[in-house]
């Protein structure tokens, strides 16, 4: 038996496994690519390096995503879909409006802390002026449920007379997002300037409670204080 014959069988088996598990292969690629793009950006990341860290080949990356830009857009889409999925699992309709707002704020706080690659990707994409994000197919539609959920909570609070009526779901989304993104994105510069770790375990309970307090203080109906 030749060397090529003895070494070819395992490779064929691995290829067969990849063919039988296309979704698993795709997920593996996205996971590795997310870290690579977050670390090096679209320009710095290399398809060869991504393929080497996955259970597939460079050819298969092109098969699934077309090119590096296509893979990058798929990573961006997956990153945003993940937080929307987590939000969809949170049952806020049975909560009082103030409790529901706090629950959503704290979920965002927890998600961003646990997914620093997502924050880095957002920063990179804003540096690139969002040129890739706008090309991600169907992304606006996947974000819409988050705004609809906030709309329902706001409406319930406004109907009850406890939330101000001159604000929108996008206002609240922006407020929550800006706080939670800042905490992760600026942890190193903030620590260097003020010697205070925004993501330190000792500061976490205080900062996690603060985001809910801030949003609810803003939503407070004038005259209800």
N, C-alpha and C. Protein backbone atom coordinates (compact mmCIF):
# COMPACT_ATOMS: atom_id res chain seq x y z
N UNK A 1 0.86 -1.21 0.00
CA UNK A 1 0.00 0.00 0.00
C UNK A 1 0.89 1.24 0.00
N UNK A 2 0.58 2.22 -0.84
CA UNK A 2 1.40 3.41 -0.93
C UNK A 2 1.08 4.38 0.19
N UNK A 3 2.01 5.33 0.38
CA UNK A 3 1.81 6.35 1.42
C UNK A 3 0.57 7.18 1.14
N UNK A 4 0.34 7.52 -0.13
CA UNK A 4 -0.83 8.33 -0.48
C UNK A 4 -2.11 7.59 -0.16
N UNK A 5 -2.07 6.25 -0.34
CA UNK A 5 -3.26 5.47 -0.04
C UNK A 5 -3.55 5.44 1.44
N UNK A 6 -2.46 5.33 2.25
CA UNK A 6 -2.66 5.24 3.70
C UNK A 6 -3.05 6.57 4.30
N UNK A 7 -2.57 7.65 3.73
CA UNK A 7 -2.89 8.98 4.29
C UNK A 7 -4.15 9.57 3.69
N UNK A 8 -4.60 9.02 2.55
CA UNK A 8 -5.76 9.61 1.89
C UNK A 8 -7.06 9.29 2.56
N UNK A 9 -7.17 8.11 3.16
CA UNK A 9 -8.43 7.68 3.75
C UNK A 9 -8.93 8.62 4.84
N UNK A 10 -8.08 9.00 5.83
CA UNK A 10 -8.56 9.92 6.86
C UNK A 10 -9.03 11.24 6.29
N UNK A 11 -8.29 11.75 5.30
CA UNK A 11 -8.68 13.03 4.69
C UNK A 11 -10.04 12.91 4.02
N UNK A 12 -10.25 11.77 3.35
CA UNK A 12 -11.54 11.57 2.69
C UNK A 12 -12.66 11.48 3.71
N UNK A 13 -12.37 10.82 4.83
CA UNK A 13 -13.38 10.71 5.88
C UNK A 13 -13.72 12.07 6.46
N UNK A 14 -12.68 12.92 6.66
CA UNK A 14 -12.92 14.26 7.19
C UNK A 14 -13.76 15.07 6.21
N UNK A 15 -13.43 14.95 4.93
CA UNK A 15 -14.20 15.68 3.91
C UNK A 15 -15.64 15.22 3.89
N UNK A 16 -15.83 13.91 4.05
CA UNK A 16 -17.19 13.37 4.06
C UNK A 16 -17.97 13.89 5.25
N UNK A 17 -17.29 13.97 6.40
CA UNK A 17 -17.97 14.49 7.59
C UNK A 17 -18.38 15.94 7.39
N UNK A 18 -17.49 16.72 6.75
CA UNK A 18 -17.84 18.12 6.51
C UNK A 18 -19.04 18.22 5.58
N UNK A 19 -19.08 17.34 4.58
CA UNK A 19 -20.20 17.35 3.64
C UNK A 19 -21.50 16.98 4.33
N UNK A 20 -21.41 16.03 5.28
CA UNK A 20 -22.61 15.57 5.96
C UNK A 20 -23.10 16.58 7.01
N UNK A 21 -22.23 17.51 7.40
CA UNK A 21 -22.59 18.48 8.43
C UNK A 21 -22.36 19.91 7.94
N UNK A 22 -23.03 20.30 6.86
CA UNK A 22 -22.77 21.64 6.30
C UNK A 22 -23.08 22.77 7.28
N UNK A 23 -24.13 22.61 8.09
CA UNK A 23 -24.48 23.67 9.03
C UNK A 23 -23.43 23.78 10.13
N UNK A 24 -22.96 22.64 10.60
CA UNK A 24 -21.91 22.64 11.62
C UNK A 24 -20.63 23.26 11.08
N UNK A 25 -20.31 22.96 9.84
CA UNK A 25 -19.13 23.53 9.20
C UNK A 25 -19.26 25.04 9.09
N UNK A 26 -20.42 25.49 8.67
CA UNK A 26 -20.66 26.93 8.52
C UNK A 26 -20.55 27.64 9.86
N UNK A 27 -21.11 27.05 10.90
CA UNK A 27 -21.05 27.64 12.23
C UNK A 27 -19.61 27.73 12.73
N UNK A 28 -18.84 26.69 12.47
CA UNK A 28 -17.44 26.69 12.88
C UNK A 28 -16.66 27.81 12.20
N UNK A 29 -16.92 27.98 10.90
CA UNK A 29 -16.26 29.06 10.15
C UNK A 29 -16.62 30.42 10.73
N UNK A 30 -17.90 30.64 10.99
CA UNK A 30 -18.35 31.93 11.51
C UNK A 30 -17.74 32.23 12.88
N UNK A 31 -17.65 31.21 13.72
CA UNK A 31 -17.10 31.40 15.06
C UNK A 31 -15.63 31.83 15.00
N UNK A 32 -14.86 31.12 14.19
CA UNK A 32 -13.44 31.44 14.06
C UNK A 32 -13.25 32.79 13.38
N UNK A 33 -14.03 33.04 12.32
CA UNK A 33 -13.90 34.28 11.57
C UNK A 33 -14.26 35.49 12.42
N UNK A 34 -15.23 35.34 13.31
CA UNK A 34 -15.61 36.46 14.17
C UNK A 34 -14.43 36.92 15.02
N UNK A 35 -13.71 35.98 15.59
CA UNK A 35 -12.55 36.33 16.40
C UNK A 35 -11.45 36.96 15.54
N UNK A 36 -11.22 36.40 14.37
CA UNK A 36 -10.18 36.93 13.49
C UNK A 36 -10.50 38.35 13.03
N UNK A 37 -11.73 38.58 12.60
CA UNK A 37 -12.10 39.92 12.14
C UNK A 37 -12.11 40.92 13.29
N UNK A 38 -12.54 40.49 14.47
CA UNK A 38 -12.54 41.37 15.63
C UNK A 38 -11.12 41.76 16.02
N UNK A 39 -10.19 40.83 15.87
CA UNK A 39 -8.79 41.10 16.23
C UNK A 39 -8.06 41.93 15.18
N UNK A 40 -8.37 41.67 13.89
CA UNK A 40 -7.54 42.23 12.82
C UNK A 40 -8.29 43.09 11.82
N UNK A 41 -9.62 43.13 11.92
CA UNK A 41 -10.39 43.90 10.96
C UNK A 41 -10.51 43.18 9.63
N UNK A 42 -11.30 43.75 8.75
CA UNK A 42 -11.52 43.14 7.44
C UNK A 42 -10.23 43.10 6.63
N UNK A 43 -9.46 44.17 6.68
CA UNK A 43 -8.23 44.24 5.89
C UNK A 43 -7.15 43.31 6.42
N UNK A 44 -7.01 43.26 7.73
CA UNK A 44 -5.93 42.49 8.33
C UNK A 44 -6.17 40.99 8.39
N UNK A 45 -7.42 40.57 8.49
CA UNK A 45 -7.72 39.14 8.59
C UNK A 45 -7.39 38.44 7.27
N UNK A 46 -6.94 37.20 7.37
CA UNK A 46 -6.56 36.42 6.20
C UNK A 46 -7.39 35.14 6.11
N UNK A 47 -7.91 34.87 4.92
CA UNK A 47 -8.70 33.66 4.71
C UNK A 47 -7.88 32.41 5.02
N UNK A 48 -6.60 32.42 4.65
CA UNK A 48 -5.74 31.27 4.93
C UNK A 48 -5.69 30.97 6.42
N UNK A 49 -5.58 32.01 7.23
CA UNK A 49 -5.48 31.82 8.67
C UNK A 49 -6.81 31.35 9.25
N UNK A 50 -7.91 31.87 8.74
CA UNK A 50 -9.22 31.45 9.20
C UNK A 50 -9.44 29.98 8.87
N UNK A 51 -9.11 29.59 7.64
CA UNK A 51 -9.28 28.19 7.23
C UNK A 51 -8.43 27.27 8.08
N UNK A 52 -7.21 27.70 8.40
CA UNK A 52 -6.30 26.86 9.18
C UNK A 52 -6.82 26.61 10.59
N UNK A 53 -7.66 27.51 11.10
CA UNK A 53 -8.18 27.37 12.47
C UNK A 53 -9.56 26.72 12.51
N UNK A 54 -10.07 26.35 11.35
CA UNK A 54 -11.39 25.70 11.30
C UNK A 54 -11.23 24.24 10.90
N UNK A 55 -12.35 23.54 10.91
CA UNK A 55 -12.34 22.13 10.50
C UNK A 55 -12.68 21.99 9.03
N UNK A 56 -12.23 22.96 8.22
CA UNK A 56 -12.56 22.93 6.80
C UNK A 56 -11.39 23.47 5.99
N UNK A 57 -11.63 23.81 4.74
CA UNK A 57 -10.58 24.27 3.83
C UNK A 57 -10.91 25.66 3.31
N UNK A 58 -9.89 26.29 2.74
CA UNK A 58 -10.08 27.61 2.13
C UNK A 58 -11.13 27.55 1.02
N UNK A 59 -11.09 26.45 0.27
CA UNK A 59 -12.06 26.29 -0.82
C UNK A 59 -13.49 26.27 -0.29
N UNK A 60 -13.69 25.61 0.87
CA UNK A 60 -15.02 25.53 1.44
C UNK A 60 -15.49 26.89 1.97
N UNK A 61 -14.56 27.70 2.45
CA UNK A 61 -14.93 29.05 2.88
C UNK A 61 -15.51 29.84 1.72
N UNK A 62 -14.86 29.72 0.58
CA UNK A 62 -15.36 30.42 -0.61
C UNK A 62 -16.68 29.82 -1.08
N UNK A 63 -16.83 28.52 -0.91
CA UNK A 63 -18.07 27.86 -1.30
C UNK A 63 -19.25 28.39 -0.49
N UNK A 64 -19.05 28.55 0.83
CA UNK A 64 -20.14 28.99 1.70
C UNK A 64 -20.39 30.49 1.63
N UNK A 65 -19.33 31.28 1.47
CA UNK A 65 -19.49 32.73 1.64
C UNK A 65 -19.07 33.57 0.43
N UNK A 66 -18.57 32.96 -0.61
CA UNK A 66 -18.24 33.69 -1.84
C UNK A 66 -16.85 34.27 -1.84
N UNK A 67 -16.57 35.17 -0.89
CA UNK A 67 -15.25 35.79 -0.76
C UNK A 67 -15.09 36.31 0.66
N UNK A 68 -13.99 36.98 0.93
CA UNK A 68 -13.73 37.45 2.29
C UNK A 68 -14.75 38.50 2.72
N UNK A 69 -15.14 39.37 1.80
CA UNK A 69 -16.16 40.37 2.13
C UNK A 69 -17.48 39.70 2.51
N UNK A 70 -17.83 38.65 1.76
CA UNK A 70 -19.06 37.92 2.06
C UNK A 70 -19.01 37.27 3.43
N UNK A 71 -17.85 36.72 3.78
CA UNK A 71 -17.68 36.10 5.10
C UNK A 71 -17.78 37.16 6.19
N UNK A 72 -17.17 38.29 5.96
CA UNK A 72 -17.21 39.39 6.94
C UNK A 72 -18.64 39.87 7.17
N UNK A 73 -19.40 40.01 6.09
CA UNK A 73 -20.80 40.44 6.23
C UNK A 73 -21.61 39.39 6.98
N UNK A 74 -21.34 38.11 6.72
CA UNK A 74 -22.05 37.04 7.43
C UNK A 74 -21.72 37.06 8.91
N UNK A 75 -20.48 37.37 9.25
CA UNK A 75 -20.07 37.48 10.65
C UNK A 75 -20.80 38.64 11.33
N UNK A 76 -20.85 39.78 10.66
CA UNK A 76 -21.57 40.93 11.20
C UNK A 76 -23.04 40.59 11.44
N UNK A 77 -23.64 39.95 10.46
CA UNK A 77 -25.05 39.59 10.59
C UNK A 77 -25.26 38.65 11.76
N UNK A 78 -24.41 37.64 11.89
CA UNK A 78 -24.54 36.70 12.99
C UNK A 78 -24.37 37.40 14.35
N UNK A 79 -23.44 38.33 14.43
CA UNK A 79 -23.19 39.03 15.69
C UNK A 79 -24.43 39.79 16.16
N UNK A 80 -25.10 40.45 15.22
CA UNK A 80 -26.30 41.19 15.58
C UNK A 80 -27.48 40.25 15.84
N UNK A 81 -27.53 39.16 15.10
CA UNK A 81 -28.63 38.21 15.31
C UNK A 81 -28.56 37.57 16.69
N UNK A 82 -27.35 37.38 17.21
CA UNK A 82 -27.20 36.72 18.50
C UNK A 82 -27.85 37.51 19.63
N UNK A 83 -27.63 38.82 19.66
CA UNK A 83 -28.24 39.59 20.74
C UNK A 83 -29.75 39.70 20.55
N UNK A 84 -30.19 39.78 19.30
CA UNK A 84 -31.64 39.82 19.07
C UNK A 84 -32.28 38.51 19.52
N UNK A 85 -31.59 37.39 19.32
CA UNK A 85 -32.12 36.10 19.76
C UNK A 85 -32.24 36.08 21.28
N UNK A 86 -31.22 36.54 21.96
CA UNK A 86 -31.26 36.56 23.43
C UNK A 86 -32.42 37.42 23.93
N UNK A 87 -32.63 38.54 23.27
CA UNK A 87 -33.75 39.40 23.66
C UNK A 87 -35.08 38.70 23.45
N UNK A 88 -35.17 37.93 22.36
CA UNK A 88 -36.43 37.25 22.07
C UNK A 88 -36.77 36.18 23.10
N UNK A 89 -35.75 35.68 23.81
CA UNK A 89 -35.97 34.66 24.83
C UNK A 89 -36.39 35.25 26.17
N UNK A 90 -36.31 36.56 26.28
CA UNK A 90 -36.67 37.23 27.53
C UNK A 90 -38.16 37.57 27.52
N UNK A 91 -38.90 36.99 28.43
CA UNK A 91 -40.35 37.22 28.51
C UNK A 91 -40.62 38.46 29.35
N UNK A 92 -40.83 39.58 28.67
CA UNK A 92 -41.03 40.84 29.37
C UNK A 92 -42.50 41.25 29.43
N UNK A 93 -43.35 40.57 28.69
CA UNK A 93 -44.74 40.98 28.62
C UNK A 93 -45.48 40.79 29.94
N UNK A 94 -44.99 39.86 30.78
CA UNK A 94 -45.66 39.63 32.06
C UNK A 94 -45.10 40.53 33.15
N UNK A 95 -44.06 41.31 32.84
CA UNK A 95 -43.44 42.19 33.83
C UNK A 95 -44.09 43.57 33.81
N UNK A 96 -44.04 44.24 34.94
CA UNK A 96 -44.45 45.64 34.97
C UNK A 96 -43.52 46.44 34.05
N UNK A 97 -43.99 47.55 33.47
CA UNK A 97 -43.16 48.28 32.50
C UNK A 97 -41.76 48.63 33.01
N UNK A 98 -41.66 49.12 34.23
CA UNK A 98 -40.35 49.50 34.77
C UNK A 98 -39.46 48.27 34.91
N UNK A 99 -40.03 47.16 35.36
CA UNK A 99 -39.25 45.92 35.50
C UNK A 99 -38.80 45.41 34.14
N UNK A 100 -39.66 45.55 33.14
CA UNK A 100 -39.33 45.09 31.79
C UNK A 100 -38.18 45.90 31.20
N UNK A 101 -38.21 47.22 31.40
CA UNK A 101 -37.12 48.06 30.91
C UNK A 101 -35.80 47.67 31.58
N UNK A 102 -35.84 47.48 32.88
CA UNK A 102 -34.62 47.11 33.60
C UNK A 102 -34.11 45.74 33.13
N UNK A 103 -35.01 44.80 32.90
CA UNK A 103 -34.60 43.47 32.44
C UNK A 103 -33.91 43.55 31.08
N UNK A 104 -34.44 44.34 30.16
CA UNK A 104 -33.81 44.49 28.85
C UNK A 104 -32.46 45.19 28.95
N UNK A 105 -32.38 46.20 29.79
CA UNK A 105 -31.12 46.92 29.97
C UNK A 105 -30.05 45.98 30.54
N UNK A 106 -30.42 45.19 31.51
CA UNK A 106 -29.45 44.28 32.13
C UNK A 106 -29.07 43.14 31.19
N UNK A 107 -29.99 42.70 30.34
CA UNK A 107 -29.64 41.68 29.36
C UNK A 107 -28.60 42.22 28.39
N UNK A 108 -28.78 43.45 27.93
CA UNK A 108 -27.81 44.07 27.03
C UNK A 108 -26.46 44.23 27.71
N UNK A 109 -26.49 44.65 28.96
CA UNK A 109 -25.27 44.79 29.76
C UNK A 109 -24.52 43.46 29.81
N UNK A 110 -25.24 42.39 30.11
CA UNK A 110 -24.62 41.06 30.23
C UNK A 110 -24.10 40.56 28.88
N UNK A 111 -24.90 40.75 27.84
CA UNK A 111 -24.50 40.27 26.51
C UNK A 111 -23.22 40.95 26.05
N UNK A 112 -23.15 42.27 26.14
CA UNK A 112 -21.99 42.99 25.63
C UNK A 112 -20.73 42.63 26.43
N UNK A 113 -20.89 42.43 27.71
CA UNK A 113 -19.76 42.02 28.54
C UNK A 113 -19.25 40.64 28.11
N UNK A 114 -20.16 39.74 27.79
CA UNK A 114 -19.80 38.37 27.42
C UNK A 114 -19.34 38.24 25.97
N UNK A 115 -19.57 39.27 25.15
CA UNK A 115 -19.22 39.19 23.73
C UNK A 115 -18.39 40.41 23.31
N UNK A 116 -17.17 40.52 23.83
CA UNK A 116 -16.33 41.68 23.46
C UNK A 116 -16.01 41.72 21.97
N UNK A 117 -15.98 40.56 21.30
CA UNK A 117 -15.73 40.56 19.86
C UNK A 117 -16.82 41.32 19.11
N UNK A 118 -18.05 41.22 19.59
CA UNK A 118 -19.16 41.96 18.98
C UNK A 118 -18.90 43.47 19.07
N UNK A 119 -18.45 43.92 20.22
CA UNK A 119 -18.19 45.35 20.41
C UNK A 119 -17.05 45.82 19.50
N UNK A 120 -16.04 44.99 19.37
CA UNK A 120 -14.91 45.36 18.51
C UNK A 120 -15.34 45.40 17.05
N UNK A 121 -16.20 44.47 16.64
CA UNK A 121 -16.71 44.48 15.27
C UNK A 121 -17.53 45.73 14.99
N UNK A 122 -18.35 46.13 15.97
CA UNK A 122 -19.15 47.35 15.81
C UNK A 122 -18.23 48.56 15.63
N UNK A 123 -17.17 48.61 16.44
CA UNK A 123 -16.22 49.73 16.34
C UNK A 123 -15.54 49.74 14.97
N UNK A 124 -15.12 48.56 14.51
CA UNK A 124 -14.47 48.46 13.20
C UNK A 124 -15.41 48.89 12.09
N UNK A 125 -16.66 48.45 12.17
CA UNK A 125 -17.61 48.77 11.12
C UNK A 125 -17.95 50.26 11.11
N UNK A 126 -17.99 50.87 12.27
CA UNK A 126 -18.21 52.32 12.31
C UNK A 126 -17.01 53.07 11.76
N UNK A 127 -15.81 52.56 11.99
CA UNK A 127 -14.62 53.16 11.38
C UNK A 127 -14.72 53.10 9.86
N UNK A 128 -15.31 52.01 9.38
CA UNK A 128 -15.51 51.85 7.93
C UNK A 128 -16.81 52.48 7.43
N UNK A 129 -17.46 53.25 8.30
CA UNK A 129 -18.67 53.99 7.96
C UNK A 129 -19.84 53.09 7.56
N UNK A 130 -19.84 51.88 8.09
CA UNK A 130 -20.97 50.99 7.90
C UNK A 130 -21.15 50.46 6.49
N UNK A 131 -20.11 50.51 5.66
CA UNK A 131 -20.26 50.14 4.26
C UNK A 131 -20.59 48.66 4.08
N UNK A 132 -20.11 47.82 5.00
CA UNK A 132 -20.39 46.39 4.87
C UNK A 132 -21.73 46.03 5.51
N UNK A 133 -22.06 46.70 6.60
CA UNK A 133 -23.29 46.37 7.31
C UNK A 133 -24.52 46.64 6.44
N UNK A 134 -24.48 47.71 5.66
CA UNK A 134 -25.63 48.03 4.83
C UNK A 134 -25.83 47.02 3.71
N UNK A 135 -24.80 46.22 3.44
CA UNK A 135 -24.91 45.20 2.38
C UNK A 135 -25.34 43.84 2.92
N UNK A 136 -25.44 43.72 4.25
CA UNK A 136 -25.86 42.45 4.85
C UNK A 136 -27.35 42.26 4.60
N UNK A 137 -27.71 41.21 3.90
CA UNK A 137 -29.09 41.00 3.48
C UNK A 137 -30.00 40.69 4.67
N UNK A 138 -31.12 41.41 4.72
CA UNK A 138 -32.15 41.13 5.71
C UNK A 138 -31.84 41.58 7.13
N UNK A 139 -30.72 42.27 7.34
CA UNK A 139 -30.35 42.64 8.70
C UNK A 139 -31.34 43.59 9.37
N UNK A 140 -31.83 44.62 8.67
CA UNK A 140 -32.82 45.49 9.31
C UNK A 140 -34.04 44.73 9.82
N UNK A 141 -34.46 43.73 9.06
CA UNK A 141 -35.64 42.95 9.47
C UNK A 141 -35.38 42.17 10.75
N UNK A 142 -34.15 41.69 10.94
CA UNK A 142 -33.85 40.92 12.15
C UNK A 142 -33.75 41.82 13.38
N UNK A 143 -33.54 43.12 13.17
CA UNK A 143 -33.43 44.04 14.30
C UNK A 143 -34.78 44.61 14.73
N UNK A 144 -35.75 44.54 13.83
CA UNK A 144 -37.06 45.14 14.09
C UNK A 144 -37.75 44.62 15.35
N UNK A 145 -37.68 43.31 15.65
CA UNK A 145 -38.37 42.83 16.86
C UNK A 145 -37.92 43.50 18.15
N UNK A 146 -36.65 43.88 18.23
CA UNK A 146 -36.16 44.55 19.44
C UNK A 146 -36.86 45.88 19.64
N UNK A 147 -37.08 46.60 18.56
CA UNK A 147 -37.75 47.90 18.66
C UNK A 147 -39.23 47.71 18.96
N UNK A 148 -39.83 46.68 18.37
CA UNK A 148 -41.24 46.42 18.65
C UNK A 148 -41.45 46.05 20.12
N UNK A 149 -40.53 45.29 20.68
CA UNK A 149 -40.63 44.94 22.10
C UNK A 149 -40.57 46.18 22.97
N UNK A 150 -39.63 47.05 22.67
CA UNK A 150 -39.52 48.31 23.43
C UNK A 150 -40.76 49.16 23.24
N UNK A 151 -41.30 49.17 22.04
CA UNK A 151 -42.52 49.93 21.76
C UNK A 151 -43.67 49.46 22.66
N UNK A 152 -43.81 48.15 22.79
CA UNK A 152 -44.88 47.61 23.62
C UNK A 152 -44.70 47.99 25.08
N UNK A 153 -43.47 47.92 25.56
CA UNK A 153 -43.21 48.27 26.96
C UNK A 153 -43.49 49.75 27.20
N UNK A 154 -43.01 50.58 26.28
CA UNK A 154 -43.24 52.02 26.41
C UNK A 154 -44.73 52.34 26.41
N UNK A 155 -45.45 51.71 25.51
CA UNK A 155 -46.88 51.97 25.42
C UNK A 155 -47.59 51.60 26.71
N UNK A 156 -47.22 50.47 27.29
CA UNK A 156 -47.85 50.07 28.55
C UNK A 156 -47.53 51.07 29.67
N UNK A 157 -46.28 51.53 29.69
CA UNK A 157 -45.90 52.50 30.71
C UNK A 157 -46.57 53.84 30.51
N UNK A 158 -46.71 54.23 29.26
CA UNK A 158 -47.38 55.50 28.96
C UNK A 158 -48.87 55.43 29.26
N UNK A 159 -49.49 54.27 28.95
CA UNK A 159 -50.91 54.10 29.25
C UNK A 159 -51.17 54.13 30.75
N UNK A 160 -50.17 53.66 31.51
CA UNK A 160 -50.31 53.65 32.97
C UNK A 160 -49.96 54.99 33.59
N UNK A 161 -49.47 55.91 32.76
CA UNK A 161 -49.14 57.24 33.26
C UNK A 161 -47.82 57.33 34.00
N UNK A 162 -46.95 56.32 33.85
CA UNK A 162 -45.68 56.36 34.58
C UNK A 162 -44.49 56.69 33.68
N UNK A 163 -44.65 56.56 32.35
CA UNK A 163 -43.58 56.89 31.41
C UNK A 163 -43.94 58.16 30.65
N UNK A 164 -42.96 58.98 30.40
CA UNK A 164 -43.16 60.17 29.60
C UNK A 164 -43.61 59.77 28.20
N UNK A 165 -44.29 60.67 27.52
CA UNK A 165 -44.85 60.36 26.21
C UNK A 165 -44.05 60.97 25.06
N UNK A 166 -43.01 61.74 25.39
CA UNK A 166 -42.24 62.41 24.34
C UNK A 166 -40.94 61.67 24.03
N UNK A 167 -40.99 60.35 24.06
CA UNK A 167 -39.81 59.56 23.74
C UNK A 167 -40.21 58.36 22.89
N UNK A 168 -39.23 57.72 22.29
CA UNK A 168 -39.51 56.59 21.39
C UNK A 168 -38.68 55.38 21.79
N UNK A 169 -39.01 54.24 21.19
CA UNK A 169 -38.25 53.02 21.44
C UNK A 169 -36.80 53.18 20.99
N UNK A 170 -36.58 53.90 19.89
CA UNK A 170 -35.22 54.11 19.41
C UNK A 170 -34.41 54.95 20.40
N UNK A 171 -35.07 55.91 21.06
CA UNK A 171 -34.39 56.69 22.10
C UNK A 171 -33.85 55.77 23.19
N UNK A 172 -34.70 54.85 23.64
CA UNK A 172 -34.32 53.96 24.74
C UNK A 172 -33.27 52.96 24.27
N UNK A 173 -33.43 52.45 23.06
CA UNK A 173 -32.44 51.53 22.51
C UNK A 173 -31.07 52.21 22.44
N UNK A 174 -31.03 53.44 21.98
CA UNK A 174 -29.78 54.19 21.88
C UNK A 174 -29.16 54.40 23.25
N UNK A 175 -29.98 54.75 24.23
CA UNK A 175 -29.48 55.02 25.57
C UNK A 175 -28.86 53.76 26.19
N UNK A 176 -29.56 52.65 26.09
CA UNK A 176 -29.06 51.39 26.64
C UNK A 176 -27.80 50.95 25.91
N UNK A 177 -27.85 50.99 24.59
CA UNK A 177 -26.73 50.52 23.78
C UNK A 177 -25.47 51.36 24.02
N UNK A 178 -25.63 52.67 24.08
CA UNK A 178 -24.47 53.54 24.24
C UNK A 178 -23.76 53.28 25.56
N UNK A 179 -24.51 53.09 26.61
CA UNK A 179 -23.94 52.81 27.92
C UNK A 179 -23.19 51.47 27.91
N UNK A 180 -23.84 50.44 27.40
CA UNK A 180 -23.27 49.09 27.45
C UNK A 180 -22.09 48.93 26.50
N UNK A 181 -22.15 49.57 25.35
CA UNK A 181 -21.03 49.52 24.42
C UNK A 181 -19.84 50.28 25.00
N UNK A 182 -20.08 51.46 25.55
CA UNK A 182 -19.00 52.28 26.11
C UNK A 182 -18.23 51.49 27.17
N UNK A 183 -18.95 50.81 28.02
CA UNK A 183 -18.31 50.10 29.13
C UNK A 183 -17.28 49.08 28.63
N UNK A 184 -17.61 48.36 27.56
CA UNK A 184 -16.70 47.34 27.03
C UNK A 184 -15.66 47.96 26.10
N UNK A 185 -16.10 48.84 25.21
CA UNK A 185 -15.20 49.40 24.20
C UNK A 185 -14.12 50.30 24.79
N UNK A 186 -14.43 50.95 25.90
CA UNK A 186 -13.51 51.94 26.47
C UNK A 186 -12.87 51.50 27.78
N UNK A 187 -12.94 50.22 28.07
CA UNK A 187 -12.42 49.75 29.36
C UNK A 187 -10.93 50.05 29.53
N UNK A 188 -10.15 49.92 28.48
CA UNK A 188 -8.71 50.09 28.60
C UNK A 188 -8.31 51.56 28.70
N UNK A 189 -8.90 52.41 27.87
CA UNK A 189 -8.58 53.83 27.95
C UNK A 189 -9.10 54.42 29.26
N UNK A 190 -10.28 53.99 29.70
CA UNK A 190 -10.84 54.49 30.97
C UNK A 190 -9.94 54.09 32.14
N UNK A 191 -9.44 52.86 32.09
CA UNK A 191 -8.54 52.39 33.15
C UNK A 191 -7.24 53.18 33.15
N UNK A 192 -6.70 53.46 31.97
CA UNK A 192 -5.45 54.20 31.87
C UNK A 192 -5.60 55.63 32.36
N UNK A 193 -6.76 56.23 32.09
CA UNK A 193 -6.98 57.63 32.45
C UNK A 193 -7.39 57.82 33.91
N UNK A 194 -8.23 56.92 34.41
CA UNK A 194 -8.84 57.12 35.73
C UNK A 194 -8.53 56.00 36.74
N UNK A 195 -7.75 55.00 36.30
CA UNK A 195 -7.40 53.87 37.15
C UNK A 195 -8.66 53.22 37.74
N UNK A 196 -9.65 53.01 36.86
CA UNK A 196 -10.91 52.40 37.29
C UNK A 196 -11.36 51.44 36.21
N UNK A 197 -11.48 50.18 36.55
CA UNK A 197 -11.80 49.14 35.58
C UNK A 197 -13.32 49.01 35.41
N UNK A 198 -13.80 49.42 34.25
CA UNK A 198 -15.23 49.37 33.98
C UNK A 198 -15.78 47.95 33.97
N UNK A 199 -14.94 46.98 33.68
CA UNK A 199 -15.39 45.60 33.64
C UNK A 199 -14.88 44.78 34.84
N UNK A 200 -14.33 45.46 35.82
CA UNK A 200 -13.87 44.76 37.01
C UNK A 200 -15.03 44.17 37.80
N UNK A 201 -14.80 42.99 38.38
CA UNK A 201 -15.87 42.30 39.11
C UNK A 201 -16.38 43.14 40.27
N UNK A 202 -15.50 43.93 40.88
CA UNK A 202 -15.91 44.73 42.04
C UNK A 202 -16.83 45.88 41.65
N UNK A 203 -16.80 46.29 40.39
CA UNK A 203 -17.63 47.40 39.93
C UNK A 203 -18.90 46.96 39.22
N UNK A 204 -18.96 45.67 38.90
CA UNK A 204 -20.05 45.17 38.07
C UNK A 204 -21.45 45.39 38.65
N UNK A 205 -21.72 45.01 39.90
CA UNK A 205 -23.08 45.19 40.42
C UNK A 205 -23.54 46.64 40.37
N UNK A 206 -22.64 47.56 40.71
CA UNK A 206 -22.98 48.99 40.70
C UNK A 206 -23.32 49.46 39.29
N UNK A 207 -22.49 49.08 38.31
CA UNK A 207 -22.71 49.54 36.94
C UNK A 207 -23.91 48.86 36.31
N UNK A 208 -24.15 47.62 36.65
CA UNK A 208 -25.31 46.91 36.10
C UNK A 208 -26.61 47.52 36.61
N UNK A 209 -26.64 47.89 37.88
CA UNK A 209 -27.84 48.54 38.42
C UNK A 209 -28.01 49.94 37.85
N UNK A 210 -26.88 50.61 37.58
CA UNK A 210 -26.93 51.99 37.13
C UNK A 210 -27.65 52.14 35.79
N UNK A 211 -27.42 51.21 34.85
CA UNK A 211 -28.05 51.37 33.54
C UNK A 211 -29.57 51.34 33.66
N UNK A 212 -30.10 50.45 34.48
CA UNK A 212 -31.54 50.44 34.69
C UNK A 212 -32.02 51.72 35.35
N UNK A 213 -31.27 52.19 36.35
CA UNK A 213 -31.63 53.42 37.05
C UNK A 213 -31.64 54.62 36.11
N UNK A 214 -30.63 54.69 35.25
CA UNK A 214 -30.51 55.82 34.33
C UNK A 214 -31.68 55.86 33.35
N UNK A 215 -31.98 54.71 32.75
CA UNK A 215 -33.06 54.67 31.77
C UNK A 215 -34.40 54.97 32.42
N UNK A 216 -34.64 54.41 33.60
CA UNK A 216 -35.92 54.65 34.27
C UNK A 216 -36.04 56.09 34.75
N UNK A 217 -34.92 56.69 35.15
CA UNK A 217 -34.96 58.10 35.55
C UNK A 217 -35.33 58.98 34.36
N UNK A 218 -34.80 58.63 33.18
CA UNK A 218 -35.15 59.38 31.98
C UNK A 218 -36.61 59.20 31.61
N UNK A 219 -37.12 57.99 31.77
CA UNK A 219 -38.50 57.69 31.39
C UNK A 219 -39.53 58.23 32.37
N UNK A 220 -39.08 58.63 33.53
CA UNK A 220 -40.00 59.11 34.57
C UNK A 220 -40.88 60.23 34.03
N UNK A 221 -42.17 60.06 34.20
CA UNK A 221 -43.11 61.08 33.76
C UNK A 221 -42.87 62.36 34.55
N UNK A 222 -42.65 63.49 33.86
CA UNK A 222 -42.46 64.76 34.57
C UNK A 222 -43.59 65.01 35.57
N UNK A 223 -43.21 65.38 36.77
CA UNK A 223 -44.20 65.62 37.81
C UNK A 223 -44.48 64.42 38.67
N UNK A 224 -43.90 63.24 38.30
CA UNK A 224 -44.11 62.02 39.06
C UNK A 224 -42.98 61.74 40.04
N UNK A 225 -41.91 62.57 39.99
CA UNK A 225 -40.77 62.37 40.87
C UNK A 225 -41.16 62.61 42.32
